Protein backbone atom coordinates (compact mmCIF):
# COMPACT_ATOMS: atom_id res chain seq x y z
CA MET A 1 94.48 82.91 148.27
CA LYS A 2 94.45 86.29 150.03
CA LYS A 3 97.50 87.59 148.43
CA VAL A 4 99.85 86.84 145.55
CA LYS A 5 103.32 85.55 146.63
CA VAL A 6 105.46 87.32 143.60
CA ALA A 7 109.16 87.31 142.97
CA VAL A 8 110.77 89.90 140.69
CA ILE A 9 113.29 88.41 138.10
CA GLY A 10 115.75 91.00 137.04
CA CYS A 11 116.21 94.24 139.11
CA GLY A 12 117.38 96.53 136.36
CA TYR A 13 116.20 99.76 134.70
CA LEU A 14 112.45 98.50 134.73
CA GLY A 15 112.70 95.63 137.50
CA ARG A 16 113.32 98.01 140.21
CA TRP A 17 110.31 99.69 139.57
CA HIS A 18 108.37 96.62 139.69
CA VAL A 19 109.72 95.64 143.02
CA GLU A 20 108.64 99.04 144.27
CA LYS A 21 105.03 98.39 143.00
CA ALA A 22 104.87 94.80 144.33
CA ILE A 23 105.92 96.01 147.63
CA SER A 24 103.26 98.67 147.55
CA LEU A 25 100.30 96.72 146.59
CA GLU A 26 98.14 95.24 149.00
CA ASP A 27 97.26 91.98 146.79
CA ALA A 28 100.90 91.00 146.38
CA GLU A 29 103.58 89.92 148.91
CA LEU A 30 107.02 90.08 147.48
CA VAL A 31 108.74 86.98 148.45
CA ALA A 32 112.13 87.70 146.50
CA ILE A 33 114.02 89.23 143.86
CA VAL A 34 115.85 86.86 141.34
CA GLU A 35 119.38 88.45 139.88
CA ASN A 36 121.65 86.25 138.04
CA SER A 37 124.90 87.83 139.05
CA GLN A 38 126.91 88.60 142.17
CA GLU A 39 127.14 92.21 140.87
CA GLY A 40 123.11 92.34 140.13
CA LYS A 41 122.65 90.83 143.41
CA SER A 42 124.92 93.43 145.14
CA ARG A 43 123.20 96.20 143.44
CA ALA A 44 119.54 95.05 144.21
CA SER A 45 120.72 94.53 147.96
CA GLU A 46 121.56 98.07 148.05
CA LEU A 47 118.19 99.23 146.76
CA PHE A 48 116.00 96.75 148.69
CA PRO A 49 118.25 95.74 151.93
CA ASP A 50 115.00 94.19 153.33
CA VAL A 51 114.10 91.94 150.63
CA ARG A 52 115.47 88.45 149.93
CA ILE A 53 117.66 88.29 146.72
CA GLU A 54 118.54 84.99 145.10
CA LEU A 55 120.76 84.18 142.13
CA ASP A 56 118.65 81.57 140.70
CA LEU A 57 114.82 80.93 139.96
CA SER A 58 114.74 77.50 141.33
CA GLU A 59 115.52 78.97 144.78
CA VAL A 60 112.18 80.97 144.96
CA LEU A 61 109.92 78.38 142.41
CA ASN A 62 108.53 76.69 145.61
CA ASP A 63 107.66 79.74 147.61
CA ILE A 64 105.80 81.63 144.85
CA ASP A 65 102.45 81.80 143.00
CA ALA A 66 103.72 84.34 140.22
CA ALA A 67 106.69 86.08 138.74
CA ILE A 68 107.36 89.34 137.00
CA VAL A 69 109.85 88.80 134.27
CA ALA A 70 111.95 91.90 133.90
CA THR A 71 115.20 90.39 132.22
CA PRO A 72 116.65 91.21 129.00
CA THR A 73 114.34 90.33 125.90
CA SER A 74 116.58 87.38 125.00
CA THR A 75 115.97 85.38 128.25
CA HIS A 76 112.31 85.88 128.15
CA TYR A 77 111.28 82.50 126.37
CA SER A 78 113.09 80.10 128.48
CA LEU A 79 111.97 81.93 131.72
CA VAL A 80 108.47 82.05 130.66
CA ASN A 81 108.44 78.47 129.61
CA ASN A 82 110.09 77.28 132.78
CA LEU A 83 107.35 79.37 134.84
CA ILE A 84 104.23 78.21 132.84
CA ASN A 85 105.52 74.50 133.05
CA ALA A 86 105.82 75.05 136.89
CA GLY A 87 102.36 76.12 136.89
CA LYS A 88 103.23 79.86 137.95
CA HIS A 89 101.24 83.03 137.09
CA VAL A 90 103.66 85.24 134.84
CA PHE A 91 103.65 88.89 134.12
CA CYS A 92 106.21 89.11 131.44
CA GLU A 93 107.59 92.79 130.13
CA LYS A 94 107.44 93.09 126.39
CA PRO A 95 108.04 91.62 124.12
CA LEU A 96 106.98 88.55 125.06
CA THR A 97 109.95 86.54 123.18
CA SER A 98 112.80 88.06 121.15
CA SER A 99 111.99 86.14 117.98
CA LEU A 100 108.73 84.85 116.07
CA GLU A 101 110.00 81.32 116.46
CA ASP A 102 109.82 81.31 120.16
CA ALA A 103 106.53 83.18 119.98
CA ILE A 104 104.98 80.27 118.04
CA LYS A 105 106.63 77.60 120.55
CA LEU A 106 104.59 79.35 123.34
CA ASN A 107 101.52 79.65 121.71
CA GLN A 108 101.88 75.75 121.35
CA ILE A 109 101.35 75.59 125.16
CA LYS A 110 97.93 75.22 126.32
CA LEU A 111 97.63 77.53 129.37
CA PRO A 112 95.72 75.84 132.34
CA ASN A 113 92.44 77.70 132.66
CA ASN A 114 93.54 79.13 135.99
CA LEU A 115 96.84 80.30 134.99
CA VAL A 116 97.39 83.93 134.16
CA LEU A 117 99.93 85.13 131.73
CA GLN A 118 100.08 88.76 131.12
CA VAL A 119 102.38 90.93 128.68
CA GLY A 120 103.64 94.44 129.95
CA HIS A 121 102.44 96.49 126.78
CA SER A 122 102.05 99.61 129.08
CA GLU A 123 101.08 102.33 126.38
CA ARG A 124 97.75 100.99 126.60
CA PHE A 125 97.19 102.13 129.86
CA HIS A 126 97.37 106.06 129.04
CA ASN A 127 94.13 107.54 130.70
CA VAL A 128 93.53 109.06 127.00
CA TRP A 129 92.27 106.03 125.54
CA LYS A 130 89.42 105.74 128.08
CA THR A 131 88.53 109.26 127.21
CA ILE A 132 88.41 108.57 123.69
CA LYS A 133 86.66 105.53 123.82
CA SER A 134 83.70 107.06 125.70
CA ASP A 135 83.26 110.35 123.73
CA SER A 136 81.29 109.88 120.98
CA GLU A 137 82.99 112.94 119.11
CA LEU A 138 86.18 111.63 119.59
CA LYS A 139 85.52 107.85 118.62
CA GLN A 140 84.59 108.98 115.10
CA PHE A 141 88.20 109.89 114.39
CA PHE A 142 88.73 106.10 114.24
CA ASP A 143 87.41 105.95 110.71
CA ASP A 144 88.39 102.88 108.75
CA LYS A 145 90.01 105.30 106.14
CA ALA A 146 91.77 107.14 108.54
CA CYS A 147 95.75 107.84 108.41
CA ILE A 148 97.69 107.25 111.73
CA THR A 149 100.78 108.48 112.20
CA ILE A 150 103.11 107.61 115.65
CA ASP A 151 106.29 109.38 116.18
CA ARG A 152 108.38 107.73 119.17
CA TYR A 153 111.93 109.19 119.63
CA ALA A 154 114.39 108.90 122.72
CA PRO A 155 117.80 109.99 123.10
CA PHE A 156 120.29 106.88 123.25
CA LYS A 157 120.28 105.35 126.89
CA GLY A 158 122.66 102.31 126.42
CA ARG A 159 120.07 100.00 127.38
CA ALA A 160 118.07 97.36 125.46
CA THR A 161 120.64 97.32 123.27
CA ASP A 162 120.27 93.20 122.87
CA VAL A 163 117.38 94.11 120.67
CA ASP A 164 116.64 96.78 117.83
CA VAL A 165 114.64 99.68 117.97
CA VAL A 166 111.99 97.61 116.64
CA SER A 167 111.39 95.45 119.34
CA ASP A 168 112.85 98.03 121.85
CA LEU A 169 110.33 100.85 120.98
CA MET A 170 108.09 100.46 117.88
CA ILE A 171 106.58 97.36 119.55
CA HIS A 172 104.79 99.73 121.71
CA ASP A 173 103.11 101.38 118.68
CA LEU A 174 102.35 98.21 116.68
CA ASP A 175 100.58 96.93 119.72
CA LEU A 176 98.56 100.24 120.11
CA LEU A 177 97.47 99.83 116.32
CA TRP A 178 95.82 96.56 117.35
CA HIS A 179 94.65 97.92 120.52
CA LEU A 180 92.83 100.73 119.27
CA PHE A 181 91.72 99.62 115.50
CA GLU A 182 91.47 95.75 116.42
CA GLU A 183 92.27 95.32 112.65
CA GLU A 184 95.10 92.59 111.27
CA PRO A 185 97.56 94.62 108.82
CA LYS A 186 97.69 93.62 105.19
CA ASP A 187 101.56 94.40 104.52
CA VAL A 188 104.28 96.74 105.80
CA TYR A 189 107.15 98.41 104.50
CA ALA A 190 109.86 99.65 106.49
CA ALA A 191 113.34 101.43 106.08
CA GLY A 192 115.92 102.39 108.56
CA HIS A 193 119.35 103.05 109.93
CA LYS A 194 122.11 101.74 112.20
CA ILE A 195 123.55 104.32 114.14
CA ASN A 196 124.51 103.67 117.83
CA THR A 197 124.70 100.19 117.77
CA ASN A 198 124.94 97.08 114.96
CA LYS A 199 121.20 96.86 115.23
CA TRP A 200 118.30 99.26 113.68
CA ASP A 201 118.46 102.48 115.51
CA HIS A 202 116.04 104.40 113.67
CA VAL A 203 113.19 102.98 111.57
CA THR A 204 110.00 104.12 109.71
CA ALA A 205 107.40 101.71 109.03
CA VAL A 206 104.49 102.04 106.63
CA VAL A 207 101.31 99.41 107.77
CA ASN A 208 98.57 99.38 105.12
CA PHE A 209 95.20 97.67 106.20
CA SER A 210 92.63 96.11 103.93
CA SER A 211 89.81 98.66 105.15
CA GLY A 212 91.89 101.47 103.89
CA ARG A 213 93.38 102.44 107.00
CA ARG A 214 97.37 103.65 106.81
CA ALA A 215 99.79 103.77 109.69
CA ILE A 216 103.14 105.85 109.45
CA LEU A 217 105.40 104.61 112.49
CA ILE A 218 108.66 106.37 113.07
CA CYS A 219 110.82 105.52 115.91
CA GLY A 220 114.32 106.22 116.91
CA ARG A 221 116.90 105.73 119.91
CA GLY A 222 119.53 108.36 119.30
CA HIS A 223 117.20 111.64 119.22
CA VAL A 224 118.15 114.89 121.03
CA GLU A 225 114.46 114.61 123.09
CA GLU A 226 111.94 112.29 123.82
CA GLN A 227 108.61 112.34 121.89
CA ARG A 228 105.45 110.29 121.65
CA LYS A 229 102.85 111.62 119.67
CA VAL A 230 99.79 109.62 117.92
CA GLN A 231 98.10 111.56 115.13
CA ILE A 232 94.79 110.23 113.45
CA ILE A 233 93.87 112.14 110.33
CA GLY A 234 90.53 111.57 108.52
CA LYS A 235 87.11 112.62 107.17
CA ARG A 236 86.21 114.08 110.76
CA GLY A 237 89.50 115.99 111.14
CA THR A 238 92.54 115.69 112.84
CA LEU A 239 92.96 114.13 116.40
CA LEU A 240 96.72 114.57 117.73
CA ILE A 241 97.69 112.93 121.30
CA ASP A 242 100.82 113.89 123.01
CA LEU A 243 101.57 110.90 125.23
CA MET A 244 104.69 112.58 126.95
CA ASN A 245 102.94 115.68 127.96
CA TYR A 246 99.25 114.03 128.75
CA SER A 247 97.39 116.26 126.46
CA TYR A 248 95.15 115.97 123.25
CA SER A 249 94.07 118.25 120.74
CA TYR A 250 91.46 117.90 117.79
CA ALA A 251 90.07 120.05 114.79
CA SER A 252 87.04 119.40 113.15
CA PRO A 253 87.17 119.86 109.11
CA GLY A 254 87.36 123.64 108.51
CA ALA A 255 88.47 124.56 112.21
CA THR A 256 90.36 127.99 112.49
CA PRO A 257 93.11 128.01 114.87
CA GLU A 258 90.89 129.60 117.40
CA ASN A 259 88.43 126.74 117.05
CA ILE A 260 91.04 123.91 117.86
CA VAL A 261 90.08 122.23 120.96
CA LYS A 262 92.92 121.65 123.54
CA LYS A 263 92.58 119.43 126.66
CA SER A 264 94.88 117.61 129.16
CA TYR A 265 94.21 114.19 130.67
CA GLU A 266 95.80 112.67 134.26
CA LYS A 267 98.72 111.09 133.99
CA ALA A 268 98.59 107.26 135.18
CA ASP A 269 101.20 105.09 136.75
CA HIS A 270 101.08 102.51 134.13
CA LEU A 271 103.52 99.90 136.09
CA LEU A 272 101.10 100.27 139.10
CA GLU A 273 98.05 99.76 136.83
CA GLU A 274 99.32 96.65 135.07
CA GLN A 275 100.33 95.11 138.23
CA LYS A 276 96.93 95.83 140.22
CA LEU A 277 95.18 93.94 137.17
CA PHE A 278 97.53 91.03 137.05
CA TYR A 279 97.09 90.20 140.97
CA SER A 280 93.20 90.86 140.32
CA SER A 281 93.05 88.61 137.50
CA ILE A 282 94.91 85.86 139.60
CA LEU A 283 92.64 86.21 142.70
CA LYS A 284 89.28 86.63 140.74
CA ASN A 285 90.14 84.24 138.04
CA LEU A 286 89.63 86.72 135.42
CA GLU A 287 91.31 87.03 131.94
CA SER A 288 94.52 88.91 131.34
CA PRO A 289 93.95 92.43 130.02
CA VAL A 290 96.92 91.88 127.72
CA SER A 291 96.86 88.22 127.02
CA MET A 292 99.58 85.83 125.64
CA SER A 293 97.73 86.23 122.12
CA ASP A 294 98.04 89.88 122.56
CA GLY A 295 101.89 89.38 123.10
CA ILE A 296 102.26 86.89 120.48
CA LYS A 297 100.68 89.22 118.08
CA ALA A 298 102.88 92.15 118.76
CA VAL A 299 105.91 89.92 118.25
CA THR A 300 104.32 88.67 114.70
CA TRP A 301 104.02 92.55 113.58
CA VAL A 302 107.51 93.06 114.80
CA ASP A 303 108.86 90.08 112.53
CA ALA A 304 107.18 91.56 109.56
CA VAL A 305 108.75 95.05 110.00
CA GLN A 306 112.22 93.22 110.89
CA ARG A 307 111.77 91.24 107.39
CA SER A 308 110.92 94.03 105.27
CA LEU A 309 114.07 96.01 106.67
CA GLU A 310 116.29 93.33 105.70
CA SER A 311 114.38 92.65 102.28
CA GLY A 312 113.77 96.21 101.28
CA LYS A 313 110.31 95.59 100.00
CA ALA A 314 106.85 95.44 101.56
CA GLU A 315 106.25 92.13 103.38
CA PRO A 316 102.87 90.36 103.98
CA LEU A 317 101.52 89.68 107.43
């Protein structure tokens, strides 16, 4: 295989960007866009007049090696399940499924050794994580007693309303906790508000770990500005990462304002990087950089936050 023949399923907010990346990459051949309504098909045709557009996945299944699933979360399980059963490689936007029940059912499927399933946890692809992991001083902030705070706010955009803010936004930060610290939580306590929809729109979650780490995650989709900040506080001082402005700052214990170190990092095209790795994994028979197991873990943690929101008490993981 010289190129991966791929279809993009869903051409909405994220899907259209995935289409552009697939068109631009040498390792991919975009076969078609799949949109399940005439309105969506017409909209996709206007955006990409030279691309084949179909209403149903069955119309392209025999012509592709892989598919990118960029549809509403509630459709992910059935699409991913069908694609796996058809022997197709899958890139699925996060969350992998809309429920833990569906995630467990997917987990019972044994993927063939040569089949790649990658989940779109894009926040892993900020260049700052490489910088931190390769810097001996910065790595010390990842102490096992550290307190982590992650704030993720956005104005209400009227999309992804088929899920709550935990599945829509907080899942990024739950996945980052696993990606950065690789420790399973002990329990989680969450509280929230329903503001713009009949689902949770603003949520605060406290995640406790057996090592003594504690993470406080706050996310909302009804704020006056966008904000994405990660702060790690421990015996080495404070490390603050601004994911919106591509910068980080750190202060050692006792540092005065003039001694605070402030640096910027290069912005990455997350979707482009994810797709590059997806096609590379297929062509070189490599393990997915964000596996089905990672996707299921994120859904499992989301489920614990949601259970706590409903019960009003800490829930175990």
